[in-house]
Structures are given as structure tokens and as C-alpha cells.
N, C-alpha and C. Protein backbone atom coordinates (compact mmCIF):
# COMPACT_ATOMS: atom_id res chain seq x y z
N MET A 1 -5.65 -27.62 -23.87
CA MET A 1 -5.19 -26.96 -22.16
C MET A 1 -6.08 -27.82 -21.54
N ASN A 2 -5.67 -28.21 -20.18
CA ASN A 2 -6.30 -28.13 -18.87
C ASN A 2 -6.58 -26.78 -18.31
N VAL A 3 -7.67 -27.87 -17.13
CA VAL A 3 -7.11 -26.29 -15.53
C VAL A 3 -6.21 -26.32 -14.74
N ILE A 4 -5.50 -27.51 -14.70
CA ILE A 4 -4.05 -27.49 -14.30
C ILE A 4 -3.02 -26.45 -14.98
N GLU A 5 -2.88 -26.44 -16.21
CA GLU A 5 -2.16 -25.92 -17.18
C GLU A 5 -2.47 -24.75 -17.25
N LYS A 6 -3.97 -24.12 -17.16
CA LYS A 6 -4.21 -22.66 -17.43
C LYS A 6 -4.27 -22.09 -15.98
N SER A 7 -4.12 -22.79 -14.76
CA SER A 7 -4.07 -22.14 -13.43
C SER A 7 -2.79 -21.52 -13.17
N LYS A 8 -1.41 -22.47 -13.66
CA LYS A 8 -0.01 -22.21 -13.91
C LYS A 8 0.27 -21.13 -14.76
N GLN A 9 -0.67 -21.12 -15.79
CA GLN A 9 -0.40 -19.91 -16.46
C GLN A 9 -0.29 -18.81 -15.55
N ARG A 10 -2.14 -18.44 -15.00
CA ARG A 10 -2.26 -17.77 -14.87
C ARG A 10 -1.20 -16.82 -13.26
N ILE A 11 -0.85 -18.51 -12.90
CA ILE A 11 0.11 -18.13 -11.49
C ILE A 11 1.30 -16.90 -11.97
N ASP A 12 2.04 -18.15 -12.85
CA ASP A 12 2.98 -17.64 -13.17
C ASP A 12 3.14 -16.45 -13.85
N GLY A 13 1.97 -15.37 -14.61
CA GLY A 13 1.79 -14.04 -14.90
C GLY A 13 1.66 -13.68 -13.81
N VAL A 14 0.91 -13.87 -12.61
CA VAL A 14 0.41 -12.85 -11.74
C VAL A 14 2.25 -12.94 -10.55
N VAL A 15 3.32 -13.59 -10.55
CA VAL A 15 4.06 -13.86 -9.85
C VAL A 15 5.26 -12.98 -11.10
N ASN A 16 5.09 -12.67 -12.35
CA ASN A 16 5.69 -11.99 -13.57
C ASN A 16 5.53 -10.52 -13.26
N LYS A 17 3.97 -10.33 -12.82
CA LYS A 17 3.58 -8.83 -12.70
C LYS A 17 4.46 -8.37 -11.40
N SER A 18 4.14 -8.96 -10.33
CA SER A 18 4.90 -8.55 -9.21
C SER A 18 6.67 -8.67 -9.03
N LYS A 19 6.82 -9.52 -9.49
CA LYS A 19 8.64 -9.18 -9.99
C LYS A 19 8.81 -7.74 -10.51
N GLU A 20 8.58 -7.19 -11.48
CA GLU A 20 8.08 -7.02 -12.46
C GLU A 20 7.88 -5.20 -11.52
N HIS A 21 6.42 -5.25 -10.64
CA HIS A 21 6.69 -4.38 -9.84
C HIS A 21 7.54 -3.61 -8.84
N TYR A 22 8.35 -5.40 -7.94
CA TYR A 22 8.85 -4.78 -6.78
C TYR A 22 10.51 -4.34 -7.52
N GLN A 23 10.82 -4.98 -8.77
CA GLN A 23 11.92 -4.78 -9.21
C GLN A 23 12.08 -2.97 -10.09
N SER A 24 10.81 -2.89 -9.83
CA SER A 24 10.43 -1.31 -10.75
C SER A 24 10.70 -0.79 -9.58
N ALA A 25 10.80 -0.80 -8.80
CA ALA A 25 10.58 0.21 -7.12
C ALA A 25 12.46 0.43 -6.30
N ASN A 26 12.65 -0.77 -7.68
CA ASN A 26 14.52 -1.04 -7.34
C ASN A 26 13.93 -1.59 -5.83
N GLU A 27 13.39 -2.56 -4.67
CA GLU A 27 13.14 -3.40 -4.18
C GLU A 27 13.09 -4.83 -3.89
N THR A 28 13.32 -5.60 -2.59
CA THR A 28 13.70 -6.92 -3.36
C THR A 28 12.47 -6.92 -3.10
N TYR A 29 11.35 -8.34 -3.29
CA TYR A 29 10.26 -8.32 -2.20
C TYR A 29 10.03 -8.34 -1.18
N LEU A 30 10.92 -8.87 0.06
CA LEU A 30 10.84 -8.45 0.73
C LEU A 30 10.76 -7.29 1.29
N GLU A 31 11.28 -6.42 1.05
CA GLU A 31 11.73 -5.22 0.99
C GLU A 31 10.42 -3.88 0.76
N HIS A 32 9.93 -5.19 -0.57
CA HIS A 32 8.58 -4.20 -1.34
C HIS A 32 7.56 -5.05 0.37
N MET A 33 7.48 -5.90 0.92
CA MET A 33 6.59 -6.60 1.24
C MET A 33 6.08 -5.37 2.93
N LYS A 34 7.62 -5.34 3.37
CA LYS A 34 7.44 -4.37 4.22
C LYS A 34 7.44 -3.10 4.07
N ILE A 35 7.79 -2.25 2.93
CA ILE A 35 7.15 -0.96 3.08
C ILE A 35 5.67 -0.99 2.66
N ALA A 36 4.68 -2.37 1.69
CA ALA A 36 3.70 -1.89 1.78
C ALA A 36 3.06 -2.22 2.98
N LEU A 37 3.23 -3.33 3.77
CA LEU A 37 2.68 -3.67 4.88
C LEU A 37 2.95 -2.35 5.87
N LYS A 38 3.40 -1.96 6.55
CA LYS A 38 3.50 -0.26 7.15
C LYS A 38 3.27 0.89 6.47
N ILE A 39 2.71 0.95 5.23
CA ILE A 39 1.88 1.95 4.10
C ILE A 39 -0.01 1.60 5.05
N SER A 40 -0.14 -0.04 4.98
CA SER A 40 -1.24 -0.48 5.26
C SER A 40 -1.55 -0.20 6.77
N PHE A 41 -0.69 0.07 7.25
CA PHE A 41 -0.61 -0.11 8.92
C PHE A 41 -0.97 1.14 9.31
N GLU A 42 -0.17 2.31 8.60
CA GLU A 42 -0.49 3.85 8.55
C GLU A 42 -2.41 4.17 8.17
N LEU A 43 -2.17 3.86 7.31
CA LEU A 43 -3.99 3.51 6.56
C LEU A 43 -4.90 2.82 7.27
N LEU A 44 -4.55 2.18 8.49
CA LEU A 44 -5.80 1.32 8.99
C LEU A 44 -5.79 2.52 10.06
N LEU A 45 -4.20 2.91 10.59
CA LEU A 45 -4.35 4.24 12.32
C LEU A 45 -5.13 5.39 11.81
N ALA A 46 -4.95 5.95 10.44
CA ALA A 46 -5.60 7.22 9.86
C ALA A 46 -7.39 6.65 9.51
N SER A 47 -7.74 5.56 9.21
CA SER A 47 -9.00 5.13 8.99
C SER A 47 -9.53 5.00 11.10
N ILE A 48 -9.06 4.24 11.16
CA ILE A 48 -9.44 4.05 13.20
C ILE A 48 -9.65 5.84 13.91
N MET A 49 -8.58 6.73 13.72
CA MET A 49 -8.54 8.00 14.14
C MET A 49 -9.64 8.28 12.90
N ALA A 50 -9.97 8.36 11.96
CA ALA A 50 -11.34 9.43 11.21
C ALA A 50 -12.48 8.29 11.84
N SER A 51 -12.33 7.03 12.28
CA SER A 51 -13.84 6.85 12.48
C SER A 51 -14.23 7.10 13.89
N ILE A 52 -13.21 7.38 15.04
CA ILE A 52 -13.07 8.23 15.90
C ILE A 52 -13.76 8.77 16.15
N HIS A 53 -12.98 10.15 15.23
CA HIS A 53 -13.22 11.79 15.25
C HIS A 53 -14.57 11.87 14.71
N ALA A 54 -15.48 11.00 13.81
CA ALA A 54 -16.98 10.96 13.11
C ALA A 54 -17.28 10.86 14.61
N ILE A 55 -17.44 10.04 15.40
CA ILE A 55 -18.08 9.78 16.65
C ILE A 55 -17.62 11.34 17.29
N VAL A 56 -16.98 11.33 18.09
CA VAL A 56 -16.07 12.19 19.01
C VAL A 56 -15.49 13.33 18.14
N PRO A 57 -15.74 14.12 17.40
CA PRO A 57 -15.38 15.30 17.08
C PRO A 57 -14.26 15.91 17.31
N ALA A 58 -14.43 16.00 18.57
CA ALA A 58 -12.78 16.15 19.62
C ALA A 58 -12.03 16.00 19.77
N THR A 59 -11.48 14.45 19.05
CA THR A 59 -10.99 14.13 18.95
C THR A 59 -10.00 13.70 17.52
N PHE A 60 -8.49 13.57 17.72
CA PHE A 60 -8.25 13.50 15.94
C PHE A 60 -8.41 14.28 14.93
N GLN A 61 -8.45 15.94 15.42
CA GLN A 61 -9.12 16.52 14.82
C GLN A 61 -8.14 16.89 13.34
N LYS A 62 -6.82 16.65 13.38
CA LYS A 62 -6.31 16.35 12.07
C LYS A 62 -5.33 15.45 11.90
N GLY A 63 -6.05 14.46 12.86
CA GLY A 63 -4.71 13.21 13.11
C GLY A 63 -4.68 12.64 12.02
N ALA A 64 -6.09 12.01 11.42
CA ALA A 64 -6.14 11.46 10.61
C ALA A 64 -5.46 11.51 9.29
N SER A 65 -6.01 13.08 8.59
CA SER A 65 -5.88 14.03 7.59
C SER A 65 -4.24 14.35 7.31
N SER A 66 -3.50 14.50 9.09
CA SER A 66 -1.98 14.95 9.02
C SER A 66 -1.71 13.58 8.54
N LYS A 67 -1.24 12.13 8.55
CA LYS A 67 -1.31 11.08 8.81
C LYS A 67 -1.58 10.35 7.05
N ILE A 68 -2.04 10.80 5.76
CA ILE A 68 -2.76 10.95 5.04
C ILE A 68 -1.89 11.63 3.99
N ILE A 69 -1.67 13.25 4.36
CA ILE A 69 -0.75 13.93 4.12
C ILE A 69 0.66 12.90 3.94
N LYS A 70 1.42 12.94 5.02
CA LYS A 70 2.31 12.16 5.24
C LYS A 70 2.60 11.31 4.65
N LEU A 71 2.39 10.44 4.62
CA LEU A 71 2.07 9.52 3.22
C LEU A 71 2.16 9.66 1.89
N TYR A 72 1.42 10.48 1.45
CA TYR A 72 1.56 11.00 1.09
C TYR A 72 2.38 11.58 -0.39
N GLU A 73 3.43 12.24 0.58
CA GLU A 73 4.81 12.80 0.80
C GLU A 73 5.36 12.03 0.31
N TYR A 74 5.45 10.80 1.54
CA TYR A 74 6.80 9.95 1.37
C TYR A 74 6.50 8.52 0.22
N LEU A 75 5.36 9.20 -0.57
CA LEU A 75 5.41 8.06 -1.84
C LEU A 75 5.56 9.14 -2.92
N GLN A 76 5.27 9.99 -2.75
CA GLN A 76 5.96 11.34 -4.36
C GLN A 76 7.22 11.33 -4.22
N SER A 77 8.12 11.08 -2.82
CA SER A 77 9.31 11.35 -2.41
C SER A 77 10.16 10.47 -3.18
N LYS A 78 9.30 9.01 -2.90
CA LYS A 78 9.69 7.71 -3.59
C LYS A 78 9.82 7.44 -4.93
N LYS A 79 8.65 8.61 -5.78
CA LYS A 79 8.06 8.36 -6.97
C LYS A 79 7.49 7.11 -7.00
N ARG A 80 6.37 7.23 -6.71
CA ARG A 80 4.87 6.18 -6.38
C ARG A 80 3.94 6.40 -6.62
N VAL A 81 3.63 8.01 -6.70
CA VAL A 81 2.33 8.01 -7.22
C VAL A 81 2.86 10.08 -7.70
N ASP A 82 2.64 10.10 -9.13
CA ASP A 82 2.83 11.23 -10.37
C ASP A 82 2.54 12.55 -8.76
N LYS A 83 3.64 13.37 -9.87
CA LYS A 83 3.40 14.75 -8.59
C LYS A 83 2.02 15.41 -9.69
């Protein structure tokens, strides 16, 4: 088997695992991408808030932790994490 065939097999495996993943969440590819990007953006905001809080403790005293808790509750409600 040559390098191109091996690469194609690996790509097919990733594509199949990805399909299984978003289908198990009862989502289309685009729905899953939208939700994942929204979560990623919210985590980025929480990270920025926590970084600012580290430098200026009077800011975002509960902002980052509140965001993380809300995301966790959302993920629980969608059965994306174990309770």
C-alpha cells in the first residue's frame, strides 16, 4: 500500500468518526459546527475575563466562573457530559 492510499484511509477514518460523532448528537455537520464554535467563543471570552481578573482582581470577579457554569449546564442539558 502506498502513501497516498494510507493517507486516504486515514482521512476516511476521520470523516467517518466525525459523522458518527455529530450524528450521535442528533445534529447535522453545520449544526454541530455552529454549536462547537459558539462554545469555543464562550470559552475564549471566559479565558479573557479570567486573564483580566488575574491582573485586576476587581474586574470580572464571577464572570469567568459564571460563564463556565452556564456552559456546563448547557452541555448537561444536551447530554454531552456525564452528570
